């Protein structure tokens, strides 16, 4: 499994970043229209150019010297994106020469020592403006000229971006090690959990700083199985101001989620599921990773005979789109059920890679349609000709139908439930792709 490169788009406000982001992302933005609880406030998109798949991160505009709270948060967000990214697209307003703010941003980028592509946007006619050569003074190489609105120059830009992808994104990673990512709010016990797992098993091999990915990787072996624990302890809110800035804090988690096999979504038993938990969980769900919901600090809760079931029911209600994910109640402090987490990781990874033969899959599909007829609209009924499994990690099924418009979300969910009844897909999302005859 190769690591997917991360590309961050940075620049001052109003230089056209959002237009550029949407133009590159096109219809590839990962979003589940009818799934409650998954964020629509998209700050990233999965994109594709030539044979490369990569993650594109959108950032707020940077005003380097501003003391305004919102602008300072945008600056912090952009810094996180810069720290996380493999390649940075620095977008400037090509209608004008650079400003002092552009110089300050360029300095941030030079300090990062990351590959940077300097881009002049809003140039609708590809004649170099008189101020074109001024941009060489930023020390970031020759600028590329584009127009996001008119989609001019984007192919040349992406050609330059993919040339800068690091080699480790193209190489095969070690397949036999299960990579477990711990994600959640600060102080939920992610680092303590990693330390407890390692300490109890006394088999730590090495601790390697996660460099650009702002995470700590801990490889070790337990019961002859190799693991890599990825602690995203760096996920922090940059301000105590009560602004909705969760979307900034998830940027650090994106890289860790992307290269993991299983995500442990850690919930504080004393706080329950918060909006920030839902945000981060939504990214793991959309990334198609194996997922375990881990309720930590269970030992600190006063309990009676109903506490367990009531708490689990609340988790299910708050994360209703992840009914497939097992919920575990643990304590990093006492070690309660901590070693069971590793067993759960193996279990979920196997389910995430489970494949069904086409014959068996269509038997399930035919039985499902016999029990509950496909929907119709204006006298026209959905026909599902057959299904096939297109891939794993996550399990992905392709349905061939007469009319995609008739394939309502509710009926696809019904088919998913029928598949889950017959095969053990606990801990993994299932993806459906609907194709119309002739596509």
Protein backbone atom coordinates (compact mmCIF):
# COMPACT_ATOMS: atom_id res chain seq x y z
CA UNK A 1 0.00 0.00 0.00
CA UNK A 2 1.59 3.28 -1.09
CA UNK A 3 1.18 6.44 0.96
CA UNK A 4 -1.01 9.06 -0.67
CA UNK A 5 0.74 12.45 -1.06
CA UNK A 6 -0.79 15.55 0.53
CA UNK A 7 -0.90 18.86 -1.36
CA UNK A 8 -1.78 22.08 0.51
CA UNK A 9 -3.09 25.25 -1.15
CA UNK A 10 -2.02 28.40 0.72
CA UNK A 11 -2.12 32.13 0.07
CA UNK A 12 -3.62 35.45 1.12
CA UNK A 13 -7.41 35.91 1.27
CA UNK A 14 -9.22 36.57 -2.02
CA UNK A 15 -6.55 35.20 -4.34
CA UNK A 16 -8.92 32.51 -5.62
CA UNK A 17 -8.00 29.51 -3.46
CA UNK A 18 -11.55 28.21 -3.12
CA UNK A 19 -12.23 28.51 -6.84
CA UNK A 20 -8.94 26.74 -7.57
CA UNK A 21 -9.69 24.03 -4.97
CA UNK A 22 -13.15 23.35 -6.39
CA UNK A 23 -11.84 23.34 -9.96
CA UNK A 24 -9.16 20.73 -9.17
CA UNK A 25 -11.43 18.65 -6.94
CA UNK A 26 -14.25 18.72 -9.48
CA UNK A 27 -16.80 16.02 -8.66
CA UNK A 28 -14.25 13.89 -6.83
CA UNK A 29 -14.92 15.52 -3.45
CA UNK A 30 -15.71 12.73 -1.01
CA UNK A 31 -19.14 13.40 0.47
CA UNK A 32 -22.01 11.18 1.53
CA UNK A 33 -25.10 13.22 0.69
CA UNK A 34 -27.64 11.47 2.88
CA UNK A 35 -25.48 10.39 5.78
CA UNK A 36 -26.18 12.38 8.95
CA UNK A 37 -23.23 13.32 11.10
CA UNK A 38 -20.60 13.47 8.36
CA UNK A 39 -19.25 16.95 7.84
CA UNK A 40 -20.24 18.91 4.73
CA UNK A 41 -17.72 21.63 5.65
CA UNK A 42 -15.08 20.19 3.38
CA UNK A 43 -11.47 21.25 3.84
CA UNK A 44 -9.96 18.49 1.73
CA UNK A 45 -10.66 16.44 -1.37
CA UNK A 46 -9.33 13.22 -2.85
CA UNK A 47 -7.97 14.09 -6.30
CA UNK A 48 -6.39 12.34 -9.23
CA UNK A 49 -3.96 13.39 -11.93
CA UNK A 50 -2.36 11.02 -14.45
CA UNK A 51 -1.56 7.89 -12.43
CA UNK A 52 -1.34 9.74 -9.13
CA UNK A 53 -3.93 9.93 -6.37
CA UNK A 54 -3.40 12.67 -3.80
CA UNK A 55 -5.17 14.57 -1.04
CA UNK A 56 -5.72 18.29 -1.67
CA UNK A 57 -6.06 20.51 1.42
CA UNK A 58 -7.79 23.89 1.23
CA UNK A 59 -6.77 26.53 3.78
CA UNK A 60 -8.06 29.87 4.89
CA UNK A 61 -6.31 32.97 3.61
CA UNK A 62 -3.15 33.91 5.51
CA UNK A 63 -2.72 37.45 6.83
CA UNK A 64 0.70 37.03 8.46
CA UNK A 65 0.71 40.15 10.67
CA UNK A 66 -2.95 40.26 11.63
CA UNK A 67 -3.95 40.05 15.30
CA UNK A 68 -7.60 39.45 14.42
CA UNK A 69 -8.69 36.24 16.12
CA UNK A 70 -10.25 34.63 13.06
CA UNK A 71 -7.35 35.57 10.79
CA UNK A 72 -4.83 34.29 13.32
CA UNK A 73 -6.71 30.99 13.39
CA UNK A 74 -6.55 30.87 9.61
CA UNK A 75 -2.80 31.45 9.82
CA UNK A 76 -2.48 28.62 12.34
CA UNK A 77 -4.56 26.37 10.08
CA UNK A 78 -2.31 27.14 7.13
CA UNK A 79 0.79 26.42 9.22
CA UNK A 80 -0.64 23.00 10.11
CA UNK A 81 -1.31 22.36 6.42
CA UNK A 82 2.25 23.40 5.56
CA UNK A 83 3.66 21.08 8.25
CA UNK A 84 1.52 18.20 7.02
CA UNK A 85 1.89 18.63 3.26
CA UNK A 86 4.31 16.91 0.90
CA UNK A 87 3.94 19.69 -1.71
CA UNK A 88 2.62 23.25 -1.31
CA UNK A 89 0.83 25.28 -3.96
CA UNK A 90 1.36 28.97 -3.15
CA UNK A 91 -1.40 30.91 -4.89
CA UNK A 92 -1.02 34.65 -5.54
CA UNK A 93 -3.23 37.20 -7.29
CA UNK A 94 -1.51 37.48 -10.66
CA UNK A 95 -3.31 40.71 -11.53
CA UNK A 96 -0.99 42.62 -9.24
CA UNK A 97 2.60 42.55 -8.03
CA UNK A 98 3.31 40.83 -4.73
CA UNK A 99 2.63 42.53 -1.39
CA UNK A 100 4.50 42.58 1.92
CA UNK A 101 2.06 39.91 3.13
CA UNK A 102 3.06 37.74 0.15
CA UNK A 103 6.70 38.18 1.18
CA UNK A 104 5.94 37.05 4.73
CA UNK A 105 4.08 33.98 3.50
CA UNK A 106 6.98 33.19 1.16
CA UNK A 107 9.29 33.36 4.17
CA UNK A 108 7.06 30.85 6.04
CA UNK A 109 7.29 28.54 3.04
CA UNK A 110 11.06 28.87 2.65
CA UNK A 111 11.53 28.03 6.34
CA UNK A 112 9.39 24.89 5.90
CA UNK A 113 11.87 23.58 3.30
CA UNK A 114 8.94 21.88 1.56
CA UNK A 115 8.64 21.76 -2.25
CA UNK A 116 6.64 24.83 -3.32
CA UNK A 117 4.97 25.61 -6.64
CA UNK A 118 4.46 29.38 -6.98
CA UNK A 119 1.27 30.11 -8.95
CA UNK A 120 -0.11 33.38 -10.30
CA UNK A 121 -3.89 33.06 -10.52
CA UNK A 122 -6.45 35.23 -12.34
CA UNK A 123 -4.35 35.54 -15.50
CA UNK A 124 -6.95 35.04 -18.22
CA UNK A 125 -4.70 35.88 -21.18
CA UNK A 126 -1.37 34.13 -21.15
CA UNK A 127 0.78 37.16 -21.82
CA UNK A 128 3.20 37.77 -18.98
CA UNK A 129 2.14 40.90 -17.11
CA UNK A 130 4.72 43.62 -16.49
CA UNK A 131 5.02 42.62 -12.82
CA UNK A 132 5.57 38.89 -13.62
CA UNK A 133 9.32 39.04 -12.96
CA UNK A 134 8.78 40.78 -9.60
CA UNK A 135 7.69 37.40 -8.22
CA UNK A 136 11.19 35.99 -8.66
CA UNK A 137 12.11 38.14 -5.63
CA UNK A 138 10.07 35.78 -3.41
CA UNK A 139 12.80 33.18 -3.86
CA UNK A 140 10.43 30.37 -4.80
CA UNK A 141 11.44 29.82 -8.42
CA UNK A 142 9.62 30.62 -11.63
CA UNK A 143 5.90 31.36 -11.24
CA UNK A 144 3.30 29.42 -13.21
CA UNK A 145 0.35 31.34 -14.66
CA UNK A 146 -3.21 29.98 -14.42
CA UNK A 147 -6.83 31.02 -14.48
CA UNK A 148 -8.94 28.94 -12.10
CA UNK A 149 -12.14 30.48 -13.42
CA UNK A 150 -11.36 29.54 -17.02
CA UNK A 151 -9.44 26.34 -16.17
CA UNK A 152 -6.39 27.60 -18.06
CA UNK A 153 -2.95 26.22 -17.20
CA UNK A 154 -4.18 23.71 -14.62
CA UNK A 155 -2.76 20.68 -16.41
CA UNK A 156 0.73 22.19 -16.57
CA UNK A 157 0.46 23.08 -12.89
CA UNK A 158 -0.53 19.55 -11.86
CA UNK A 159 2.28 18.12 -13.98
CA UNK A 160 4.74 20.16 -11.90
CA UNK A 161 3.06 19.18 -8.61
CA UNK A 162 3.25 15.41 -9.19
CA UNK A 163 6.93 15.70 -10.16
CA UNK A 164 7.59 16.85 -6.59
CA UNK A 165 5.89 13.95 -4.81
CA UNK A 166 8.36 12.23 -2.45
CA UNK A 167 9.58 8.75 -3.33
CA UNK A 168 8.00 7.12 -0.28
CA UNK A 169 4.55 7.90 -1.71
CA UNK A 170 5.33 5.72 -4.71
CA UNK A 171 6.99 2.82 -2.92
CA UNK A 172 5.23 -0.12 -1.35
CA UNK A 173 4.98 0.09 2.42
CA UNK A 174 5.48 -2.90 4.67
CA UNK A 175 2.33 -4.94 4.19
CA UNK A 176 2.45 -7.26 7.19
CA UNK A 177 2.43 -4.53 9.85
CA UNK A 178 -1.03 -3.38 10.99
CA UNK A 179 -1.02 0.41 11.25
CA UNK A 180 -3.28 1.69 14.03
CA UNK A 181 -4.06 5.40 14.23
CA UNK A 182 -5.26 6.92 17.52
CA UNK A 183 -7.44 9.96 16.84
CA UNK A 184 -9.49 12.19 19.09
CA UNK A 185 -9.51 15.37 21.14
CA UNK A 186 -6.58 16.50 23.27
CA UNK A 187 -6.42 14.89 26.72
CA UNK A 188 -8.59 11.95 25.76
CA UNK A 189 -5.68 9.63 26.53
CA UNK A 190 -4.19 8.80 23.13
CA UNK A 191 -0.56 8.94 24.26
CA UNK A 192 -1.36 7.18 27.52
CA UNK A 193 -3.04 4.39 25.59
CA UNK A 194 -0.05 3.93 23.31
CA UNK A 195 2.30 3.90 26.30
CA UNK A 196 0.11 1.40 28.14
CA UNK A 197 0.00 -0.98 25.18
CA UNK A 198 3.74 -0.80 24.70
CA UNK A 199 4.55 -0.91 28.42
CA UNK A 200 2.43 -3.96 29.14
CA UNK A 201 3.87 -5.92 26.25
CA UNK A 202 7.48 -4.77 26.78
CA UNK A 203 8.29 -5.29 23.12
CA UNK A 204 8.98 -1.79 21.87
CA UNK A 205 11.39 -1.77 18.95
CA UNK A 206 11.86 1.91 18.24
CA UNK A 207 10.24 5.31 18.50
CA UNK A 208 10.56 7.43 15.38
CA UNK A 209 9.44 11.03 15.12
CA UNK A 210 6.84 11.33 12.37
CA UNK A 211 8.64 14.26 10.64
CA UNK A 212 6.20 16.01 8.32
CA UNK A 213 3.21 14.02 9.43
CA UNK A 214 3.34 15.40 12.98
CA UNK A 215 2.75 12.02 14.56
CA UNK A 216 4.82 9.55 16.53
CA UNK A 217 5.17 6.09 15.02
CA UNK A 218 5.83 3.22 17.40
CA UNK A 219 6.56 -0.12 15.69
CA UNK A 220 6.43 -3.27 17.82
CA UNK A 221 5.51 -6.94 17.69
CA UNK A 222 2.97 -8.79 19.82
CA UNK A 223 2.03 -12.47 19.44
CA UNK A 224 4.08 -12.63 16.21
CA UNK A 225 2.01 -9.84 14.65
CA UNK A 226 3.74 -6.60 13.65
CA UNK A 227 2.03 -3.32 14.52
CA UNK A 228 2.70 0.37 14.06
CA UNK A 229 0.93 2.63 16.56
CA UNK A 230 0.41 6.14 15.20
CA UNK A 231 -0.23 8.65 17.98
CA UNK A 232 -1.70 11.90 16.67
CA UNK A 233 -0.98 13.67 19.94
CA UNK A 234 -0.31 16.87 18.01
CA UNK A 235 -4.00 17.48 17.27
CA UNK A 236 -4.56 20.65 19.24
CA UNK A 237 -6.90 23.58 19.20
CA UNK A 238 -4.79 26.66 18.64
CA UNK A 239 -7.06 29.02 20.53
CA UNK A 240 -9.35 28.96 23.54
CA UNK A 241 -11.74 31.27 21.73
CA UNK A 242 -15.14 29.61 21.33
CA UNK A 243 -15.03 29.62 17.54
CA UNK A 244 -15.86 26.60 15.40
CA UNK A 245 -12.26 25.71 14.52
CA UNK A 246 -12.44 21.93 14.63
CA UNK A 247 -11.91 21.79 10.89
CA UNK A 248 -8.43 23.24 11.39
CA UNK A 249 -7.44 20.68 14.02
CA UNK A 250 -8.32 17.69 11.81
CA UNK A 251 -5.71 18.64 9.23
CA UNK A 252 -3.01 17.03 11.34
CA UNK A 253 -5.08 13.87 11.63
CA UNK A 254 -5.64 13.53 7.89
CA UNK A 255 -2.17 12.23 7.08
CA UNK A 256 -2.24 9.75 9.95
CA UNK A 257 -5.71 8.49 8.98
CA UNK A 258 -4.67 8.13 5.36
CA UNK A 259 -1.74 5.81 6.07
CA UNK A 260 -3.47 3.72 8.73
CA UNK A 261 -5.29 0.39 8.46
CA UNK A 262 -7.44 0.89 11.56
CA UNK A 263 -8.54 4.08 13.30
CA UNK A 264 -9.19 3.98 17.03
CA UNK A 265 -11.61 6.85 17.62
CA UNK A 266 -11.05 7.69 21.25
CA UNK A 267 -13.93 9.10 23.30
CA UNK A 268 -13.63 10.52 26.81
CA UNK A 269 -16.10 8.58 28.99
CA UNK A 270 -16.63 11.65 31.18
CA UNK A 271 -17.50 13.92 28.23
CA UNK A 272 -19.25 11.55 25.86
CA UNK A 273 -19.26 12.11 22.08
CA UNK A 274 -18.53 15.76 21.23
CA UNK A 275 -18.87 17.65 17.94
CA UNK A 276 -15.10 17.45 17.48
CA UNK A 277 -15.26 13.67 17.91
CA UNK A 278 -17.93 13.50 15.20
CA UNK A 279 -15.80 15.63 12.89
CA UNK A 280 -12.70 13.45 13.15
CA UNK A 281 -14.73 10.23 13.06
CA UNK A 282 -16.35 11.41 9.84
CA UNK A 283 -12.96 11.68 8.15
CA UNK A 284 -11.99 8.14 9.17
CA UNK A 285 -15.36 6.86 7.92
CA UNK A 286 -15.02 8.60 4.56
CA UNK A 287 -11.45 7.36 4.20
CA UNK A 288 -12.83 3.80 4.30
CA UNK A 289 -10.62 2.67 7.16
CA UNK A 290 -11.34 -0.02 9.70
CA UNK A 291 -12.81 1.69 12.76
CA UNK A 292 -13.09 0.89 16.46
CA UNK A 293 -14.76 3.34 18.85
CA UNK A 294 -12.69 3.33 22.04
CA UNK A 295 -14.29 4.81 25.16
CA UNK A 296 -11.38 5.65 27.48
CA UNK A 297 -11.36 6.60 31.20
CA UNK A 298 -14.19 4.11 31.79
CA UNK A 299 -12.77 3.53 35.29
CA UNK A 300 -13.53 7.15 36.30
CA UNK A 301 -17.26 6.85 35.66
CA UNK A 302 -19.68 5.99 38.46
CA UNK A 303 -21.60 3.01 37.16
CA UNK A 304 -24.71 0.99 37.88
CA UNK A 305 -26.35 -1.91 36.04
CA UNK A 306 -27.60 0.38 33.26
CA UNK A 307 -24.52 2.57 32.65
CA UNK A 308 -22.87 0.35 30.01
CA UNK A 309 -25.94 -0.08 27.82
CA UNK A 310 -27.07 3.55 28.19
CA UNK A 311 -23.64 4.91 27.28
CA UNK A 312 -23.32 2.58 24.30
CA UNK A 313 -26.78 3.64 23.09
CA UNK A 314 -25.75 7.33 23.31
CA UNK A 315 -22.60 6.60 21.29
CA UNK A 316 -24.72 4.86 18.64
CA UNK A 317 -27.11 7.81 18.50
CA UNK A 318 -24.32 10.39 18.14
CA UNK A 319 -22.42 8.33 15.56
CA UNK A 320 -25.45 6.85 13.82
CA UNK A 321 -23.67 6.54 10.47
CA UNK A 322 -21.10 4.21 12.05
CA UNK A 323 -23.39 1.50 13.42
CA UNK A 324 -20.92 -1.03 12.00
CA UNK A 325 -18.09 0.05 14.34
CA UNK A 326 -17.50 -1.99 17.51
CA UNK A 327 -17.46 0.00 20.78
CA UNK A 328 -14.91 -0.88 23.45
CA UNK A 329 -14.78 0.45 27.00
CA UNK A 330 -11.23 0.70 28.31
CA UNK A 331 -8.90 2.47 30.71
CA UNK A 332 -5.39 3.50 29.74
CA UNK A 333 -4.73 4.20 33.42
CA UNK A 334 -5.61 0.76 34.81
CA UNK A 335 -5.04 -1.25 31.62
CA UNK A 336 -8.63 -2.49 31.59
CA UNK A 337 -9.24 -4.35 28.29
CA UNK A 338 -6.26 -2.58 26.66
CA UNK A 339 -4.67 -5.73 25.20
CA UNK A 340 -8.03 -6.62 23.65
CA UNK A 341 -7.63 -3.55 21.43
CA UNK A 342 -4.88 -5.30 19.45
CA UNK A 343 -7.08 -8.36 18.92
CA UNK A 344 -9.85 -6.04 17.78
CA UNK A 345 -7.48 -4.34 15.31
CA UNK A 346 -6.61 -7.67 13.67
CA UNK A 347 -10.29 -8.60 13.53
CA UNK A 348 -11.31 -5.31 11.89
CA UNK A 349 -8.41 -5.34 9.40
CA UNK A 350 -9.48 -8.80 8.21
CA UNK A 351 -13.08 -7.62 7.79
CA UNK A 352 -11.91 -4.52 5.90
CA UNK A 353 -10.21 -6.83 3.37
CA UNK A 354 -13.02 -9.40 3.10
CA UNK A 355 -14.01 -10.35 -0.43
CA UNK A 356 -17.26 -12.03 -1.57
CA UNK A 357 -17.48 -14.08 -4.76
CA UNK A 358 -19.71 -12.65 -7.50
CA UNK A 359 -22.00 -15.68 -7.43
CA UNK A 360 -22.68 -15.51 -3.70
CA UNK A 361 -23.05 -11.72 -3.82
CA UNK A 362 -25.76 -11.95 -6.50
CA UNK A 363 -27.58 -14.68 -4.58
CA UNK A 364 -27.77 -12.25 -1.63
CA UNK A 365 -28.88 -9.44 -3.96
CA UNK A 366 -31.64 -11.51 -5.59
CA UNK A 367 -32.94 -12.65 -2.23
CA UNK A 368 -32.92 -9.04 -0.97
CA UNK A 369 -34.90 -7.86 -4.01
CA UNK A 370 -37.41 -10.69 -3.58
CA UNK A 371 -38.00 -9.70 0.05
CA UNK A 372 -38.18 -5.96 -0.65
CA UNK A 373 -38.92 -4.86 -4.22
CA UNK A 374 -36.73 -2.05 -5.62
CA UNK A 375 -38.32 1.43 -5.63
CA UNK A 376 -40.13 2.98 -8.58
CA UNK A 377 -40.76 6.54 -9.67
CA UNK A 378 -43.40 7.74 -12.15
CA UNK A 379 -44.10 4.17 -13.22
CA UNK A 380 -40.46 3.26 -13.78
CA UNK A 381 -38.94 0.70 -11.41
CA UNK A 382 -35.30 0.29 -10.50
CA UNK A 383 -33.73 -2.85 -11.94
CA UNK A 384 -30.47 -4.12 -10.54
CA UNK A 385 -29.05 -6.45 -13.16
CA UNK A 386 -26.15 -7.76 -11.13
CA UNK A 387 -23.46 -6.79 -8.63
CA UNK A 388 -19.76 -7.39 -8.29
CA UNK A 389 -17.16 -6.55 -5.67
CA UNK A 390 -14.81 -3.99 -7.12
CA UNK A 391 -12.28 -3.81 -4.32
CA UNK A 392 -11.39 -4.07 -0.65
CA UNK A 393 -10.06 -1.70 2.05
CA UNK A 394 -12.87 -0.66 2.14
CA UNK A 395 -15.11 -3.36 0.61
CA UNK A 396 -16.51 -1.74 -2.52
CA UNK A 397 -19.48 -3.10 -4.46
CA UNK A 398 -20.58 -2.08 -7.96
CA UNK A 399 -24.29 -2.29 -8.82
CA UNK A 400 -25.29 -2.30 -12.49
CA UNK A 401 -28.76 -0.79 -12.90
CA UNK A 402 -31.21 0.49 -15.53
CA UNK A 403 -31.43 4.02 -14.11
CA UNK A 404 -29.09 5.53 -11.50
CA UNK A 405 -31.67 8.15 -10.53
CA UNK A 406 -33.92 5.40 -9.15
CA UNK A 407 -31.19 3.99 -6.87
CA UNK A 408 -32.31 5.81 -3.75
CA UNK A 409 -30.00 5.98 -0.76
CA UNK A 410 -32.49 4.14 1.46
CA UNK A 411 -32.59 1.11 -0.84
CA UNK A 412 -28.80 0.98 -1.14
CA UNK A 413 -28.65 1.04 2.66
CA UNK A 414 -31.13 -1.88 2.71
CA UNK A 415 -28.87 -3.89 0.37
CA UNK A 416 -25.89 -3.04 2.58
CA UNK A 417 -27.75 -4.36 5.62
CA UNK A 418 -28.54 -7.60 3.78
CA UNK A 419 -24.87 -8.06 2.89
CA UNK A 420 -23.86 -7.37 6.49
CA UNK A 421 -26.38 -9.97 7.70
CA UNK A 422 -24.67 -12.61 5.60
CA UNK A 423 -21.01 -11.58 5.97
CA UNK A 424 -19.00 -10.21 8.85
CA UNK A 425 -18.16 -6.64 7.93
CA UNK A 426 -18.08 -5.38 11.52
CA UNK A 427 -15.67 -2.49 11.91
CA UNK A 428 -15.55 -1.46 8.26
CA UNK A 429 -17.60 0.91 6.10
CA UNK A 430 -18.97 -0.47 2.84
CA UNK A 431 -18.89 1.60 -0.35
CA UNK A 432 -21.40 1.25 -3.20
CA UNK A 433 -20.89 2.49 -6.74
CA UNK A 434 -23.96 2.55 -8.97
CA UNK A 435 -23.40 2.23 -12.73
CA UNK A 436 -25.98 2.60 -15.44
CA UNK A 437 -26.01 0.33 -18.47
CA UNK A 438 -23.68 1.77 -21.10
CA UNK A 439 -21.36 3.54 -18.65
